[in-house]
Amino acid sequence: QYRDAIKPYNSPYCIFLMNYGFATIYGQKYQYVKAYPYIKAALKIDMLKDYHAELLKILSLYYASNNQFTEAFTTLDKASHIIKTIPELSDTNWQVDLIFIKAKIYYLQKIYF
């Protein structure tokens, strides 16, 4: 339904938000394989860096769920870098999410502290 609604506009912004929306919905449902193509499509459009960080967090979980732990940590580091460069995101749930995702990746690797 949303795809049909934005077709007439053919705007990169609308396309980005559509892909971001699908990626985050599937990510929240832990359906990372379904989220993956939307993440990759949205990341090709250069806008809204904080949204890119959110997509990178989901992409990190996609890699971790596929036992691609190096890629998972590298991707999470990219998200962390973006978040650190936006002062408004300091001391927010965005940073807490990074810690949680890192812990989840370690857990999937069976590394317990």
Protein backbone atom coordinates (compact mmCIF):
# COMPACT_ATOMS: atom_id res chain seq x y z
CA GLN A 1 0.00 0.00 0.00
CA TYR A 2 2.79 2.44 0.90
CA ARG A 3 4.73 1.60 -2.27
CA ASP A 4 1.72 2.56 -4.36
CA ALA A 5 1.25 5.78 -2.41
CA ILE A 6 4.79 7.04 -3.10
CA LYS A 7 5.11 5.91 -6.74
CA PRO A 8 3.91 9.21 -8.21
CA TYR A 9 6.55 11.17 -6.30
CA ASN A 10 9.63 9.13 -7.29
CA SER A 11 11.53 11.07 -4.62
CA PRO A 12 14.76 9.66 -3.11
CA TYR A 13 13.49 10.85 0.26
CA CYS A 14 10.22 8.90 -0.08
CA ILE A 15 12.05 5.83 -1.36
CA PHE A 16 14.50 6.05 1.55
CA LEU A 17 11.71 6.30 4.11
CA MET A 18 9.82 3.41 2.53
CA ASN A 19 12.90 1.18 2.69
CA TYR A 20 13.73 2.38 6.19
CA GLY A 21 10.18 1.62 7.30
CA PHE A 22 10.18 -1.92 5.93
CA ALA A 23 13.68 -2.58 7.31
CA THR A 24 12.78 -1.46 10.81
CA ILE A 25 9.46 -3.31 10.85
CA TYR A 26 11.11 -6.57 9.83
CA GLY A 27 14.02 -5.89 12.17
CA GLN A 28 11.68 -5.45 15.13
CA LYS A 29 10.15 -8.82 14.27
CA TYR A 30 13.66 -10.40 14.13
CA GLN A 31 13.07 -11.15 10.43
CA TYR A 32 16.51 -10.01 9.38
CA VAL A 33 16.53 -11.85 6.06
CA LYS A 34 13.39 -9.95 5.02
CA ALA A 35 14.87 -6.69 6.33
CA TYR A 36 18.17 -7.11 4.50
CA PRO A 37 17.20 -5.93 0.97
CA TYR A 38 15.42 -2.88 2.39
CA ILE A 39 18.42 -2.02 4.55
CA LYS A 40 20.79 -2.25 1.59
CA ALA A 41 18.47 -0.16 -0.60
CA ALA A 42 18.06 2.56 2.04
CA LEU A 43 21.79 2.75 2.78
CA LYS A 44 22.45 3.56 -0.88
CA ILE A 45 20.57 6.84 -0.43
CA ASP A 46 22.70 9.44 1.34
CA MET A 47 20.46 11.13 3.88
CA LEU A 48 19.48 11.13 7.53
CA LYS A 49 22.62 9.76 9.18
CA ASP A 50 20.84 8.84 12.41
CA TYR A 51 18.45 6.68 10.39
CA HIS A 52 21.47 5.11 8.71
CA ALA A 53 22.78 4.24 12.17
CA GLU A 54 19.49 2.54 12.99
CA LEU A 55 19.69 0.54 9.75
CA LEU A 56 23.28 -0.43 10.51
CA LYS A 57 22.22 -1.75 13.92
CA ILE A 58 19.68 -4.02 12.24
CA LEU A 59 22.22 -5.04 9.60
CA SER A 60 24.62 -5.96 12.38
CA LEU A 61 22.00 -8.30 13.82
CA TYR A 62 21.45 -9.77 10.37
CA TYR A 63 25.16 -10.60 10.11
CA ALA A 64 25.26 -11.99 13.65
CA SER A 65 22.25 -14.21 12.99
CA ASN A 66 24.18 -15.64 10.03
CA ASN A 67 27.32 -16.25 12.12
CA GLN A 68 29.16 -13.46 10.29
CA PHE A 69 30.51 -12.01 13.50
CA THR A 70 33.32 -9.91 12.05
CA GLU A 71 30.85 -8.17 9.75
CA ALA A 72 28.42 -7.79 12.65
CA PHE A 73 30.98 -5.98 14.81
CA THR A 74 32.28 -3.87 11.92
CA THR A 75 28.75 -2.77 11.03
CA LEU A 76 27.91 -2.04 14.64
CA ASP A 77 31.07 0.07 14.91
CA LYS A 78 29.89 2.12 11.91
CA ALA A 79 26.56 2.71 13.66
CA SER A 80 28.37 3.68 16.85
CA HIS A 81 30.56 6.17 14.99
CA ILE A 82 27.52 7.87 13.48
CA ILE A 83 25.76 8.06 16.83
CA LYS A 84 28.86 9.54 18.50
CA THR A 85 28.98 12.31 15.90
CA ILE A 86 25.44 13.48 16.68
CA PRO A 87 25.47 15.20 20.10
CA GLU A 88 21.69 14.94 20.52
CA LEU A 89 21.98 11.15 20.60
CA SER A 90 24.40 11.15 23.52
CA ASP A 91 23.02 9.41 26.63
CA THR A 92 19.94 8.07 24.83
CA ASN A 93 18.49 4.66 24.07
CA TRP A 94 20.42 4.77 20.80
CA GLN A 95 23.62 4.20 22.79
CA VAL A 96 21.97 1.60 25.02
CA ASP A 97 20.92 -0.30 21.89
CA LEU A 98 24.55 -0.46 20.79
CA ILE A 99 25.56 -2.09 24.07
CA PHE A 100 22.64 -4.52 23.90
CA ILE A 101 23.44 -5.52 20.32
CA LYS A 102 27.12 -6.00 21.13
CA ALA A 103 26.14 -8.24 24.05
CA LYS A 104 23.82 -10.20 21.79
CA ILE A 105 26.60 -10.76 19.25
CA TYR A 106 28.91 -12.03 22.00
CA TYR A 107 26.11 -14.29 23.26
CA LEU A 108 25.60 -15.75 19.78
CA GLN A 109 29.33 -16.47 19.69
CA LYS A 110 28.96 -18.17 23.08
CA ILE A 111 31.32 -15.66 24.65
CA TYR A 112 30.15 -14.94 28.17
CA PHE A 113 31.71 -12.38 30.49
